[in-house]
Structure formats: structure tokens, C-alpha cells
PDB file of N, CA and C in Angstrom:
ATOM      1  N   MET A   1      11.718  37.387  15.593  1.00  0.00           N
ATOM      2  CA  MET A   1      10.897  36.314  15.100  1.00  0.00           C
ATOM      3  C   MET A   1      11.712  35.011  15.142  1.00  0.00           C
ATOM      4  N   THR A   2      11.085  33.918  15.600  1.00  0.00           N
ATOM      5  CA  THR A   2      11.772  32.637  15.672  1.00  0.00           C
ATOM      6  C   THR A   2      11.323  31.761  14.519  1.00  0.00           C
ATOM      7  N   ASP A   3      12.224  30.935  14.080  1.00  0.00           N
ATOM      8  CA  ASP A   3      11.878  29.981  13.023  1.00  0.00           C
ATOM      9  C   ASP A   3      11.047  28.858  13.622  1.00  0.00           C
ATOM     10  N   LYS A   4      10.055  28.411  12.863  1.00  0.00           N
ATOM     11  CA  LYS A   4       9.266  27.262  13.302  1.00  0.00           C
ATOM     12  C   LYS A   4      10.114  26.004  13.174  1.00  0.00           C
ATOM     13  N   PRO A   5       9.993  25.099  14.139  1.00  0.00           N
ATOM     14  CA  PRO A   5      10.753  23.852  13.998  1.00  0.00           C
ATOM     15  C   PRO A   5      10.235  23.064  12.804  1.00  0.00           C
ATOM     16  N   LYS A   6      11.136  22.414  12.111  1.00  0.00           N
ATOM     17  CA  LYS A   6      10.730  21.596  10.970  1.00  0.00           C
ATOM     18  C   LYS A   6      10.111  20.306  11.484  1.00  0.00           C
ATOM     19  N   TRP A   7       9.116  19.834  10.752  1.00  0.00           N
ATOM     20  CA  TRP A   7       8.444  18.583  11.103  1.00  0.00           C
ATOM     21  C   TRP A   7       9.396  17.415  10.906  1.00  0.00           C
ATOM     22  N   GLN A   8       9.445  16.547  11.864  1.00  0.00           N
ATOM     23  CA  GLN A   8      10.284  15.363  11.782  1.00  0.00           C
ATOM     24  C   GLN A   8       9.422  14.120  11.955  1.00  0.00           C
ATOM     25  N   PRO A   9       9.504  13.149  11.040  1.00  0.00           N
ATOM     26  CA  PRO A   9       8.730  11.924  11.203  1.00  0.00           C
ATOM     27  C   PRO A   9       9.220  11.133  12.414  1.00  0.00           C
ATOM     28  N   LEU A  10       8.318  10.432  13.039  1.00  0.00           N
ATOM     29  CA  LEU A  10       8.680   9.596  14.184  1.00  0.00           C
ATOM     30  C   LEU A  10       9.351   8.303  13.733  1.00  0.00           C
ATOM     31  N   SER A  11       9.068   7.903  12.525  1.00  0.00           N
ATOM     32  CA  SER A  11       9.609   6.670  11.967  1.00  0.00           C
ATOM     33  C   SER A  11      10.148   6.958  10.574  1.00  0.00           C
ATOM     34  N   PRO A  12      10.961   6.058  10.072  1.00  0.00           N
ATOM     35  CA  PRO A  12      11.480   6.302   8.723  1.00  0.00           C
ATOM     36  C   PRO A  12      10.369   6.261   7.674  1.00  0.00           C
ATOM     37  N   ILE A  13      10.526   7.080   6.660  1.00  0.00           N
ATOM     38  CA  ILE A  13       9.631   7.056   5.514  1.00  0.00           C
ATOM     39  C   ILE A  13      10.436   6.463   4.370  1.00  0.00           C
ATOM     40  N   ILE A  14       9.916   5.409   3.776  1.00  0.00           N
ATOM     41  CA  ILE A  14      10.651   4.692   2.736  1.00  0.00           C
ATOM     42  C   ILE A  14       9.930   4.871   1.407  1.00  0.00           C
ATOM     43  N   ASP A  15      10.654   5.341   0.415  1.00  0.00           N
ATOM     44  CA  ASP A  15      10.106   5.510  -0.928  1.00  0.00           C
ATOM     45  C   ASP A  15      10.036   4.139  -1.598  1.00  0.00           C
ATOM     46  N   CYS A  16       8.836   3.655  -1.837  1.00  0.00           N
ATOM     47  CA  CYS A  16       8.639   2.318  -2.402  1.00  0.00           C
ATOM     48  C   CYS A  16       8.293   2.360  -3.886  1.00  0.00           C
ATOM     49  N   THR A  17       8.698   3.416  -4.580  1.00  0.00           N
ATOM     50  CA  THR A  17       8.368   3.547  -6.004  1.00  0.00           C
ATOM     51  C   THR A  17       9.351   2.822  -6.907  1.00  0.00           C
ATOM     52  N   THR A  18      10.427   2.310  -6.338  1.00  0.00           N
ATOM     53  CA  THR A  18      11.375   1.508  -7.120  1.00  0.00           C
ATOM     54  C   THR A  18      11.378   0.092  -6.553  1.00  0.00           C
ATOM     55  N   GLU A  19      11.875  -0.862  -7.332  1.00  0.00           N
ATOM     56  CA  GLU A  19      11.934  -2.247  -6.840  1.00  0.00           C
ATOM     57  C   GLU A  19      12.800  -2.349  -5.592  1.00  0.00           C
ATOM     58  N   GLU A  20      13.918  -1.652  -5.611  1.00  0.00           N
ATOM     59  CA  GLU A  20      14.819  -1.666  -4.442  1.00  0.00           C
ATOM     60  C   GLU A  20      14.145  -1.037  -3.226  1.00  0.00           C
ATOM     61  N   GLY A  21      13.489   0.091  -3.426  1.00  0.00           N
ATOM     62  CA  GLY A  21      12.793   0.757  -2.334  1.00  0.00           C
ATOM     63  C   GLY A  21      11.641  -0.079  -1.798  1.00  0.00           C
ATOM     64  N   LEU A  22      10.912  -0.733  -2.714  1.00  0.00           N
ATOM     65  CA  LEU A  22       9.801  -1.588  -2.290  1.00  0.00           C
ATOM     66  C   LEU A  22      10.301  -2.754  -1.445  1.00  0.00           C
ATOM     67  N   ALA A  23      11.383  -3.387  -1.883  1.00  0.00           N
ATOM     68  CA  ALA A  23      11.964  -4.500  -1.109  1.00  0.00           C
ATOM     69  C   ALA A  23      12.395  -4.011   0.268  1.00  0.00           C
ATOM     70  N   LYS A  24      13.022  -2.842   0.319  1.00  0.00           N
ATOM     71  CA  LYS A  24      13.454  -2.265   1.600  1.00  0.00           C
ATOM     72  C   LYS A  24      12.239  -1.948   2.475  1.00  0.00           C
ATOM     73  N   GLY A  25      11.197  -1.386   1.884  1.00  0.00           N
ATOM     74  CA  GLY A  25       9.990  -1.033   2.632  1.00  0.00           C
ATOM     75  C   GLY A  25       9.275  -2.246   3.193  1.00  0.00           C
ATOM     76  N   ILE A  26       9.153  -3.289   2.396  1.00  0.00           N
ATOM     77  CA  ILE A  26       8.494  -4.515   2.859  1.00  0.00           C
ATOM     78  C   ILE A  26       9.292  -5.145   3.993  1.00  0.00           C
ATOM     79  N   ALA A  27      10.608  -5.201   3.844  1.00  0.00           N
ATOM     80  CA  ALA A  27      11.453  -5.778   4.898  1.00  0.00           C
ATOM     81  C   ALA A  27      11.345  -4.969   6.186  1.00  0.00           C
ATOM     82  N   ALA A  28      11.369  -3.639   6.072  1.00  0.00           N
ATOM     83  CA  ALA A  28      11.273  -2.782   7.264  1.00  0.00           C
ATOM     84  C   ALA A  28       9.902  -2.920   7.933  1.00  0.00           C
ATOM     85  N   ALA A  29       8.849  -2.980   7.132  1.00  0.00           N
ATOM     86  CA  ALA A  29       7.498  -3.130   7.693  1.00  0.00           C
ATOM     87  C   ALA A  29       7.350  -4.480   8.386  1.00  0.00           C
ATOM     88  N   ALA A  30       7.842  -5.538   7.762  1.00  0.00           N
ATOM     89  CA  ALA A  30       7.749  -6.870   8.371  1.00  0.00           C
ATOM     90  C   ALA A  30       8.491  -6.923   9.702  1.00  0.00           C
ATOM     91  N   GLU A  31       9.669  -6.319   9.740  1.00  0.00           N
ATOM     92  CA  GLU A  31      10.442  -6.295  10.992  1.00  0.00           C
ATOM     93  C   GLU A  31       9.721  -5.488  12.067  1.00  0.00           C
ATOM     94  N   ALA A  32       9.131  -4.361  11.689  1.00  0.00           N
ATOM     95  CA  ALA A  32       8.385  -3.536  12.649  1.00  0.00           C
ATOM     96  C   ALA A  32       7.198  -4.317  13.212  1.00  0.00           C
ATOM     97  N   VAL A  33       6.481  -5.033  12.360  1.00  0.00           N
ATOM     98  CA  VAL A  33       5.338  -5.826  12.822  1.00  0.00           C
ATOM     99  C   VAL A  33       5.816  -6.926  13.772  1.00  0.00           C
ATOM    100  N   ARG A  34       6.934  -7.557  13.445  1.00  0.00           N
ATOM    101  CA  ARG A  34       7.491  -8.586  14.346  1.00  0.00           C
ATOM    102  C   ARG A  34       7.839  -8.015  15.721  1.00  0.00           C
ATOM    103  N   ARG A  35       8.234  -6.734  15.757  1.00  0.00           N
ATOM    104  CA  ARG A  35       8.554  -6.082  17.027  1.00  0.00           C
ATOM    105  C   ARG A  35       7.301  -5.588  17.747  1.00  0.00           C
ATOM    106  N   GLY A  36       6.132  -5.789  17.153  1.00  0.00           N
ATOM    107  CA  GLY A  36       4.886  -5.357  17.785  1.00  0.00           C
ATOM    108  C   GLY A  36       4.522  -3.914  17.490  1.00  0.00           C
ATOM    109  N   GLU A  37       5.176  -3.318  16.512  1.00  0.00           N
ATOM    110  CA  GLU A  37       4.920  -1.921  16.160  1.00  0.00           C
ATOM    111  C   GLU A  37       3.848  -1.814  15.083  1.00  0.00           C
ATOM    112  N   LEU A  38       3.334  -0.598  14.906  1.00  0.00           N
ATOM    113  CA  LEU A  38       2.380  -0.325  13.840  1.00  0.00           C
ATOM    114  C   LEU A  38       3.131   0.116  12.597  1.00  0.00           C
ATOM    115  N   VAL A  39       2.549  -0.160  11.448  1.00  0.00           N
ATOM    116  CA  VAL A  39       3.080   0.354  10.192  1.00  0.00           C
ATOM    117  C   VAL A  39       1.959   1.097   9.463  1.00  0.00           C
ATOM    118  N   VAL A  40       2.335   2.127   8.751  1.00  0.00           N
ATOM    119  CA  VAL A  40       1.394   2.898   7.949  1.00  0.00           C
ATOM    120  C   VAL A  40       1.676   2.578   6.498  1.00  0.00           C
ATOM    121  N   MET A  41       0.628   2.248   5.755  1.00  0.00           N
ATOM    122  CA  MET A  41       0.818   1.899   4.348  1.00  0.00           C
ATOM    123  C   MET A  41      -0.295   2.483   3.502  1.00  0.00           C
ATOM    124  N   PRO A  42       0.047   2.907   2.307  1.00  0.00           N
ATOM    125  CA  PRO A  42      -0.991   3.448   1.432  1.00  0.00           C
ATOM    126  C   PRO A  42      -1.871   2.333   0.885  1.00  0.00           C
ATOM    127  N   THR A  43      -3.145   2.631   0.720  1.00  0.00           N
ATOM    128  CA  THR A  43      -4.065   1.725   0.040  1.00  0.00           C
ATOM    129  C   THR A  43      -4.514   2.442  -1.224  1.00  0.00           C
ATOM    130  N   ASP A  44      -5.530   1.930  -1.883  1.00  0.00           N
ATOM    131  CA  ASP A  44      -5.981   2.573  -3.114  1.00  0.00           C
ATOM    132  C   ASP A  44      -6.642   3.928  -2.860  1.00  0.00           C
ATOM    133  N   THR A  45      -7.136   4.177  -1.650  1.00  0.00           N
ATOM    134  CA  THR A  45      -7.827   5.444  -1.393  1.00  0.00           C
ATOM    135  C   THR A  45      -7.313   6.214  -0.180  1.00  0.00           C
ATOM    136  N   VAL A  46      -6.828   5.531   0.826  1.00  0.00           N
ATOM    137  CA  VAL A  46      -6.394   6.171   2.067  1.00  0.00           C
ATOM    138  C   VAL A  46      -5.127   5.476   2.565  1.00  0.00           C
ATOM    139  N   TYR A  47      -4.628   5.918   3.694  1.00  0.00           N
ATOM    140  CA  TYR A  47      -3.533   5.205   4.357  1.00  0.00           C
ATOM    141  C   TYR A  47      -4.135   4.259   5.386  1.00  0.00           C
ATOM    142  N   GLY A  48      -3.560   3.084   5.509  1.00  0.00           N
ATOM    143  CA  GLY A  48      -4.028   2.111   6.475  1.00  0.00           C
ATOM    144  C   GLY A  48      -2.977   1.851   7.529  1.00  0.00           C
ATOM    145  N   LEU A  49      -3.431   1.352   8.674  1.00  0.00           N
ATOM    146  CA  LEU A  49      -2.532   0.941   9.745  1.00  0.00           C
ATOM    147  C   LEU A  49      -2.446  -0.573   9.740  1.00  0.00           C
ATOM    148  N   GLY A  50      -1.258  -1.080   9.903  1.00  0.00           N
ATOM    149  CA  GLY A  50      -1.065  -2.516   9.962  1.00  0.00           C
ATOM    150  C   GLY A  50      -0.329  -2.906  11.220  1.00  0.00           C
ATOM    151  N   ALA A  51      -0.606  -4.122  11.690  1.00  0.00           N
ATOM    152  CA  ALA A  51       0.043  -4.659  12.886  1.00  0.00           C
ATOM    153  C   ALA A  51      -0.212  -6.153  12.957  1.00  0.00           C
ATOM    154  N   ASP A  52       0.406  -6.790  13.912  1.00  0.00           N
ATOM    155  CA  ASP A  52       0.189  -8.213  14.159  1.00  0.00           C
ATOM    156  C   ASP A  52      -1.137  -8.390  14.880  1.00  0.00           C
ATOM    157  N   ALA A  53      -2.113  -8.986  14.207  1.00  0.00           N
ATOM    158  CA  ALA A  53      -3.437  -9.164  14.793  1.00  0.00           C
ATOM    159  C   ALA A  53      -3.424 -10.129  15.980  1.00  0.00           C
ATOM    160  N   PHE A  54      -2.342 -10.876  16.148  1.00  0.00           N
ATOM    161  CA  PHE A  54      -2.229 -11.801  17.274  1.00  0.00           C
ATOM    162  C   PHE A  54      -1.558 -11.166  18.492  1.00  0.00           C
ATOM    163  N   SER A  55      -1.215  -9.900  18.394  1.00  0.00           N
ATOM    164  CA  SER A  55      -0.568  -9.193  19.497  1.00  0.00           C
ATOM    165  C   SER A  55      -1.568  -8.244  20.155  1.00  0.00           C
ATOM    166  N   ARG A  56      -1.903  -8.516  21.411  1.00  0.00           N
ATOM    167  CA  ARG A  56      -2.833  -7.635  22.136  1.00  0.00           C
ATOM    168  C   ARG A  56      -2.342  -6.194  22.156  1.00  0.00           C
ATOM    169  N   ASP A  57      -1.057  -6.001  22.410  1.00  0.00           N
ATOM    170  CA  ASP A  57      -0.513  -4.645  22.481  1.00  0.00           C
ATOM    171  C   ASP A  57      -0.606  -3.936  21.131  1.00  0.00           C
ATOM    172  N   ALA A  58      -0.332  -4.661  20.056  1.00  0.00           N
ATOM    173  CA  ALA A  58      -0.409  -4.053  18.726  1.00  0.00           C
ATOM    174  C   ALA A  58      -1.848  -3.680  18.382  1.00  0.00           C
ATOM    175  N   VAL A  59      -2.787  -4.552  18.695  1.00  0.00           N
ATOM    176  CA  VAL A  59      -4.206  -4.254  18.436  1.00  0.00           C
ATOM    177  C   VAL A  59      -4.639  -3.060  19.281  1.00  0.00           C
ATOM    178  N   ARG A  60      -4.223  -3.033  20.537  1.00  0.00           N
ATOM    179  CA  ARG A  60      -4.545  -1.899  21.412  1.00  0.00           C
ATOM    180  C   ARG A  60      -3.968  -0.603  20.837  1.00  0.00           C
ATOM    181  N   ALA A  61      -2.753  -0.661  20.280  1.00  0.00           N
ATOM    182  CA  ALA A  61      -2.132   0.521  19.695  1.00  0.00           C
ATOM    183  C   ALA A  61      -2.913   1.013  18.473  1.00  0.00           C
ATOM    184  N   ILE A  62      -3.418   0.089  17.662  1.00  0.00           N
ATOM    185  CA  ILE A  62      -4.236   0.498  16.509  1.00  0.00           C
ATOM    186  C   ILE A  62      -5.521   1.163  16.988  1.00  0.00           C
ATOM    187  N   LEU A  63      -6.174   0.558  17.963  1.00  0.00           N
ATOM    188  CA  LEU A  63      -7.418   1.145  18.485  1.00  0.00           C
ATOM    189  C   LEU A  63      -7.158   2.541  19.047  1.00  0.00           C
ATOM    190  N   THR A  64      -6.067   2.699  19.771  1.00  0.00           N
ATOM    191  CA  THR A  64      -5.721   4.004  20.335  1.00  0.00           C
ATOM    192  C   THR A  64      -5.441   5.014  19.226  1.00  0.00           C
ATOM    193  N   ALA A  65      -4.670   4.607  18.227  1.00  0.00           N
ATOM    194  CA  ALA A  65      -4.335   5.510  17.123  1.00  0.00           C
ATOM    195  C   ALA A  65      -5.585   5.954  16.364  1.00  0.00           C
ATOM    196  N   LYS A  66      -6.568   5.064  16.272  1.00  0.00           N
ATOM    197  CA  LYS A  66      -7.795   5.392  15.552  1.00  0.00           C
ATOM    198  C   LYS A  66      -8.850   6.027  16.461  1.00  0.00           C
ATOM    199  N   GLY A  67      -8.563   6.117  17.753  1.00  0.00           N
ATOM    200  CA  GLY A  67      -9.540   6.685  18.676  1.00  0.00           C
ATOM    201  C   GLY A  67     -10.743   5.783  18.859  1.00  0.00           C
ATOM    202  N   ARG A  68     -10.530   4.499  18.811  1.00  0.00           N
ATOM    203  CA  ARG A  68     -11.608   3.518  18.934  1.00  0.00           C
ATOM    204  C   ARG A  68     -11.466   2.696  20.203  1.00  0.00           C
ATOM    205  N   GLY A  69     -12.578   2.080  20.574  1.00  0.00           N
ATOM    206  CA  GLY A  69     -12.563   1.123  21.668  1.00  0.00           C
ATOM    207  C   GLY A  69     -12.728  -0.283  21.116  1.00  0.00           C
ATOM    208  N   ARG A  70     -12.780  -1.247  22.001  1.00  0.00           N
ATOM    209  CA  ARG A  70     -12.934  -2.645  21.584  1.00  0.00           C
ATOM    210  C   ARG A  70     -14.261  -2.912  20.895  1.00  0.00           C
ATOM    211  N   GLU A  71     -15.256  -2.021  21.124  1.00  0.00           N
ATOM    212  CA  GLU A  71     -16.555  -2.237  20.495  1.00  0.00           C
ATOM    213  C   GLU A  71     -16.526  -1.987  18.983  1.00  0.00           C
ATOM    214  N   MET A  72     -15.444  -1.398  18.484  1.00  0.00           N
ATOM    215  CA  MET A  72     -15.297  -1.136  17.049  1.00  0.00           C
ATOM    216  C   MET A  72     -13.915  -1.610  16.600  1.00  0.00           C
ATOM    217  N   PRO A  73     -13.709  -2.920  16.576  1.00  0.00           N
ATOM    218  CA  PRO A  73     -12.378  -3.445  16.251  1.00  0.00           C
ATOM    219  C   PRO A  73     -12.007  -3.189  14.794  1.00  0.00           C
ATOM    220  N   PRO A  74     -10.707  -3.165  14.519  1.00  0.00           N
ATOM    221  CA  PRO A  74     -10.260  -2.945  13.140  1.00  0.00           C
ATOM    222  C   PRO A  74     -10.472  -4.201  12.300  1.00  0.00           C
ATOM    223  N   PRO A  75     -10.587  -4.042  10.988  1.00  0.00           N
ATOM    224  CA  PRO A  75     -10.674  -5.230  10.131  1.00  0.00           C
ATOM    225  C   PRO A  75      -9.328  -5.949  10.105  1.00  0.00           C
ATOM    226  N   VAL A  76      -9.391  -7.242   9.902  1.00  0.00           N
ATOM    227  CA  VAL A  76      -8.181  -8.052   9.811  1.00  0.00           C
ATOM    228  C   VAL A  76      -8.262  -8.849   8.514  1.00  0.00           C
ATOM    229  N   LEU A  77      -7.244  -8.739   7.688  1.00  0.00           N
ATOM    230  CA  LEU A  77      -7.197  -9.538   6.471  1.00  0.00           C
ATOM    231  C   LEU A  77      -6.642 -10.905   6.821  1.00  0.00           C
ATOM    232  N   VAL A  78      -7.372 -11.944   6.438  1.00  0.00           N
ATOM    233  CA  VAL A  78      -6.977 -13.302   6.772  1.00  0.00           C
ATOM    234  C   VAL A  78      -6.575 -14.056   5.501  1.00  0.00           C
ATOM    235  N   PRO A  79      -5.353 -14.597   5.482  1.00  0.00           N
ATOM    236  CA  PRO A  79      -4.887 -15.270   4.276  1.00  0.00           C
ATOM    237  C   PRO A  79      -5.362 -16.718   4.143  1.00  0.00           C
ATOM    238  N   ASN A  80      -5.794 -17.325   5.270  1.00  0.00           N
ATOM    239  CA  ASN A  80      -6.167 -18.743   5.208  1.00  0.00           C
ATOM    240  C   ASN A  80      -7.050 -19.114   6.399  1.00  0.00           C
ATOM    241  N   ALA A  81      -7.604 -20.322   6.330  1.00  0.00           N
ATOM    242  CA  ALA A  81      -8.521 -20.792   7.374  1.00  0.00           C
ATOM    243  C   ALA A  81      -7.859 -20.909   8.749  1.00  0.00           C
ATOM    244  N   PRO A  82      -6.632 -21.415   8.874  1.00  0.00           N
ATOM    245  CA  PRO A  82      -6.020 -21.485  10.210  1.00  0.00           C
ATOM    246  C   PRO A  82      -5.886 -20.115  10.882  1.00  0.00           C
ATOM    247  N   THR A  83      -5.562 -19.078  10.093  1.00  0.00           N
ATOM    248  CA  THR A  83      -5.474 -17.737  10.669  1.00  0.00           C
ATOM    249  C   THR A  83      -6.844 -17.280  11.139  1.00  0.00           C
ATOM    250  N   LEU A  84      -7.856 -17.521  10.334  1.00  0.00           N
ATOM    251  CA  LEU A  84      -9.224 -17.173  10.702  1.00  0.00           C
ATOM    252  C   LEU A  84      -9.627 -17.876  11.991  1.00  0.00           C
ATOM    253  N   ASP A  85      -9.305 -19.157  12.102  1.00  0.00           N
ATOM    254  CA  ASP A  85      -9.643 -19.916  13.310  1.00  0.00           C
ATOM    255  C   ASP A  85      -8.913 -19.388  14.539  1.00  0.00           C
ATOM    256  N   GLY A  86      -7.705 -18.861  14.350  1.00  0.00           N
ATOM    257  CA  GLY A  86      -6.950 -18.320  15.468  1.00  0.00           C
ATOM    258  C   GLY A  86      -7.457 -16.978  15.954  1.00  0.00           C
ATOM    259  N   LEU A  87      -8.174 -16.259  15.089  1.00  0.00           N
ATOM    260  CA  LEU A  87      -8.646 -14.917  15.445  1.00  0.00           C
ATOM    261  C   LEU A  87     -10.100 -14.869  15.884  1.00  0.00           C
ATOM    262  N   ALA A  88     -10.900 -15.814  15.445  1.00  0.00           N
ATOM    263  CA  ALA A  88     -12.345 -15.768  15.718  1.00  0.00           C
ATOM    264  C   ALA A  88     -12.769 -16.894  16.651  1.00  0.00           C
ATOM    265  N   THR A  89     -13.824 -16.637  17.416  1.00  0.00           N
ATOM    266  CA  THR A  89     -14.324 -17.666  18.336  1.00  0.00           C
ATOM    267  C   THR A  89     -15.239 -18.655  17.631  1.00  0.00           C
ATOM    268  N   HIS A  90     -15.926 -18.197  16.600  1.00  0.00           N
ATOM    269  CA  HIS A  90     -16.832 -19.065  15.854  1.00  0.00           C
ATOM    270  C   HIS A  90     -16.914 -18.548  14.430  1.00  0.00           C
ATOM    271  N   VAL A  91     -16.663 -19.439  13.477  1.00  0.00           N
ATOM    272  CA  VAL A  91     -16.746 -19.059  12.066  1.00  0.00           C
ATOM    273  C   VAL A  91     -17.828 -19.919  11.426  1.00  0.00           C
ATOM    274  N   PRO A  92     -18.976 -19.305  11.082  1.00  0.00           N
ATOM    275  CA  PRO A  92     -20.053 -20.079  10.456  1.00  0.00           C
ATOM    276  C   PRO A  92     -19.608 -20.672   9.117  1.00  0.00           C
ATOM    277  N   SER A  93     -20.216 -21.753   8.719  1.00  0.00           N
ATOM    278  CA  SER A  93     -19.829 -22.418   7.473  1.00  0.00           C
ATOM    279  C   SER A  93     -19.997 -21.491   6.268  1.00  0.00           C
ATOM    280  N   TYR A  94     -21.051 -20.641   6.265  1.00  0.00           N
ATOM    281  CA  TYR A  94     -21.227 -19.735   5.125  1.00  0.00           C
ATOM    282  C   TYR A  94     -20.066 -18.739   5.028  1.00  0.00           C
ATOM    283  N   ALA A  95     -19.523 -18.332   6.170  1.00  0.00           N
ATOM    284  CA  ALA A  95     -18.390 -17.401   6.160  1.00  0.00           C
ATOM    285  C   ALA A  95     -17.149 -18.086   5.597  1.00  0.00           C
ATOM    286  N   ARG A  96     -16.965 -19.349   5.944  1.00  0.00           N
ATOM    287  CA  ARG A  96     -15.839 -20.108   5.392  1.00  0.00           C
ATOM    288  C   ARG A  96     -15.976 -20.243   3.875  1.00  0.00           C
ATOM    289  N   GLN A  97     -17.187 -20.534   3.426  1.00  0.00           N
ATOM    290  CA  GLN A  97     -17.419 -20.682   1.993  1.00  0.00           C
ATOM    291  C   GLN A  97     -17.151 -19.360   1.264  1.00  0.00           C
ATOM    292  N   LEU A  98     -17.614 -18.248   1.843  1.00  0.00           N
ATOM    293  CA  LEU A  98     -17.358 -16.938   1.237  1.00  0.00           C
ATOM    294  C   LEU A  98     -15.872 -16.629   1.197  1.00  0.00           C
ATOM    295  N   ARG A  99     -15.177 -16.915   2.300  1.00  0.00           N
ATOM    296  CA  ARG A  99     -13.747 -16.656   2.347  1.00  0.00           C
ATOM    297  C   ARG A  99     -13.028 -17.449   1.273  1.00  0.00           C
ATOM    298  N   CYS A 100     -13.387 -18.694   1.108  1.00  0.00           N
ATOM    299  CA  CYS A 100     -12.739 -19.527   0.092  1.00  0.00           C
ATOM    300  C   CYS A 100     -13.074 -19.055  -1.324  1.00  0.00           C
ATOM    301  N   ALA A 101     -14.317 -18.654  -1.538  1.00  0.00           N
ATOM    302  CA  ALA A 101     -14.744 -18.251  -2.879  1.00  0.00           C
ATOM    303  C   ALA A 101     -14.168 -16.909  -3.313  1.00  0.00           C
ATOM    304  N   PHE A 102     -13.970 -15.987  -2.359  1.00  0.00           N
ATOM    305  CA  PHE A 102     -13.586 -14.627  -2.724  1.00  0.00           C
ATOM    306  C   PHE A 102     -12.222 -14.189  -2.211  1.00  0.00           C
ATOM    307  N   SER A 103     -11.429 -15.085  -1.700  1.00  0.00           N
ATOM    308  CA  SER A 103     -10.148 -14.664  -1.127  1.00  0.00           C
ATOM    309  C   SER A 103      -9.004 -14.721  -2.118  1.00  0.00           C
ATOM    310  N   ARG A 104      -9.280 -15.034  -3.343  1.00  0.00           N
ATOM    311  CA  ARG A 104      -8.214 -15.088  -4.334  1.00  0.00           C
ATOM    312  C   ARG A 104      -8.278 -13.850  -5.207  1.00  0.00           C
ATOM    313  N   PRO A 105      -7.196 -13.190  -5.513  1.00  0.00           N
ATOM    314  CA  PRO A 105      -5.816 -13.539  -5.197  1.00  0.00           C
ATOM    315  C   PRO A 105      -5.334 -12.962  -3.871  1.00  0.00           C
ATOM    316  N   ALA A 106      -6.166 -12.198  -3.177  1.00  0.00           N
ATOM    317  CA  ALA A 106      -5.722 -11.523  -1.956  1.00  0.00           C
ATOM    318  C   ALA A 106      -6.480 -12.048  -0.746  1.00  0.00           C
ATOM    319  N   PRO A 107      -5.948 -11.792   0.445  1.00  0.00           N
ATOM    320  CA  PRO A 107      -6.673 -12.169   1.667  1.00  0.00           C
ATOM    321  C   PRO A 107      -8.008 -11.433   1.755  1.00  0.00           C
ATOM    322  N   SER A 108      -8.857 -11.904   2.645  1.00  0.00           N
ATOM    323  CA  SER A 108     -10.174 -11.293   2.798  1.00  0.00           C
ATOM    324  C   SER A 108     -10.472 -11.049   4.265  1.00  0.00           C
ATOM    325  N   ALA A 109     -11.473 -10.212   4.515  1.00  0.00           N
ATOM    326  CA  ALA A 109     -11.944  -9.952   5.880  1.00  0.00           C
ATOM    327  C   ALA A 109     -13.300 -10.621   6.043  1.00  0.00           C
ATOM    328  N   VAL A 110     -13.488 -11.363   7.118  1.00  0.00           N
ATOM    329  CA  VAL A 110     -14.745 -12.046   7.392  1.00  0.00           C
ATOM    330  C   VAL A 110     -15.273 -11.534   8.724  1.00  0.00           C
ATOM    331  N   PRO A 111     -16.444 -10.877   8.731  1.00  0.00           N
ATOM    332  CA  PRO A 111     -16.985 -10.376  10.000  1.00  0.00           C
ATOM    333  C   PRO A 111     -17.294 -11.531  10.950  1.00  0.00           C
ATOM    334  N   GLY A 112     -17.003 -11.344  12.214  1.00  0.00           N
ATOM    335  CA  GLY A 112     -17.309 -12.371  13.193  1.00  0.00           C
ATOM    336  C   GLY A 112     -16.793 -11.993  14.559  1.00  0.00           C
ATOM    337  N   PRO A 113     -17.187 -12.757  15.565  1.00  0.00           N
ATOM    338  CA  PRO A 113     -16.738 -12.468  16.928  1.00  0.00           C
ATOM    339  C   PRO A 113     -15.254 -12.785  17.106  1.00  0.00           C
ATOM    340  N   ALA A 114     -14.546 -11.845  17.677  1.00  0.00           N
ATOM    341  CA  ALA A 114     -13.109 -11.995  17.874  1.00  0.00           C
ATOM    342  C   ALA A 114     -12.819 -12.821  19.118  1.00  0.00           C
ATOM    343  N   SER A 115     -11.721 -13.522  19.094  1.00  0.00           N
ATOM    344  CA  SER A 115     -11.269 -14.296  20.233  1.00  0.00           C
ATOM    345  C   SER A 115     -10.862 -13.344  21.374  1.00  0.00           C
ATOM    346  N   SER A 116     -11.347 -13.613  22.572  1.00  0.00           N
ATOM    347  CA  SER A 116     -10.979 -12.760  23.714  1.00  0.00           C
ATOM    348  C   SER A 116      -9.515 -12.951  24.105  1.00  0.00           C
ATOM    349  N   GLN A 117      -8.895 -14.031  23.674  1.00  0.00           N
ATOM    350  CA  GLN A 117      -7.471 -14.245  23.953  1.00  0.00           C
ATOM    351  C   GLN A 117      -6.611 -13.260  23.180  1.00  0.00           C
ATOM    352  N   ILE A 118      -7.115 -12.779  22.075  1.00  0.00           N
ATOM    353  CA  ILE A 118      -6.349 -11.851  21.247  1.00  0.00           C
ATOM    354  C   ILE A 118      -6.747 -10.424  21.519  1.00  0.00           C
ATOM    355  N   TRP A 119      -8.017 -10.133  21.560  1.00  0.00           N
ATOM    356  CA  TRP A 119      -8.517  -8.759  21.650  1.00  0.00           C
ATOM    357  C   TRP A 119      -8.761  -8.397  23.079  1.00  0.00           C
TER     358      TRP A 119
END
């Protein structure tokens, strides 16, 4: 009988339950995103994938990981109007008003047509 190989993560797993671990995890995730890589992060209910929404390769990697095509793009959290303008081809005034009214204290997602330069 042979022993089963032990599972090995492809990327480091960082325990973010301490302040030191959280700082290390945030720094590692930010660096990975800068390199165009995906990051996995827990949310309140599931794990989410994160990447640079301005990187075609990173967006393509998220779509591939989720088994999706361009017809079902991932949500993007936008922290401010300039980011929204960089990602969308047209942002209706009502969407801007909603984003401003409900984006505090965290970024928000606004449905709309994505820029073909990015996606």
C-alpha cells in the first residue's frame, strides 16, 4: 500500500487572526495583485477572488477560475468615481448618485457596461 501524497497549497496561506498576521496578509495580497496574480480572501459567507480590475490578464484569470465567460463578468468594488469612470463605458447619473449615497464606509459595485479596453 502506498501513502497518499499530502495536499500542498499552490500559494502561501497566511493566518490573519492576529494584527501581525493581518498586516502580513494584506501586504502579501497587495503585492500579488500588483504582480497580476489572483488572491483568495474570506468574505462574510464565502471565499472571494480578488485581482486588479484594470489588468486584462487578471480579469481573464478570474473568469477562468470561476468557469465563466465575458458574458458574466465578475463584480468590481469601486472606491471612487474616477475608478468607476476607468472601468465603465457609460455611468448613468442615477448610478453615480447611488454610488455616492451608499458607498460609505466601503466601496460599492455599480452594474453597467464594462470598458472593452479592460475586459
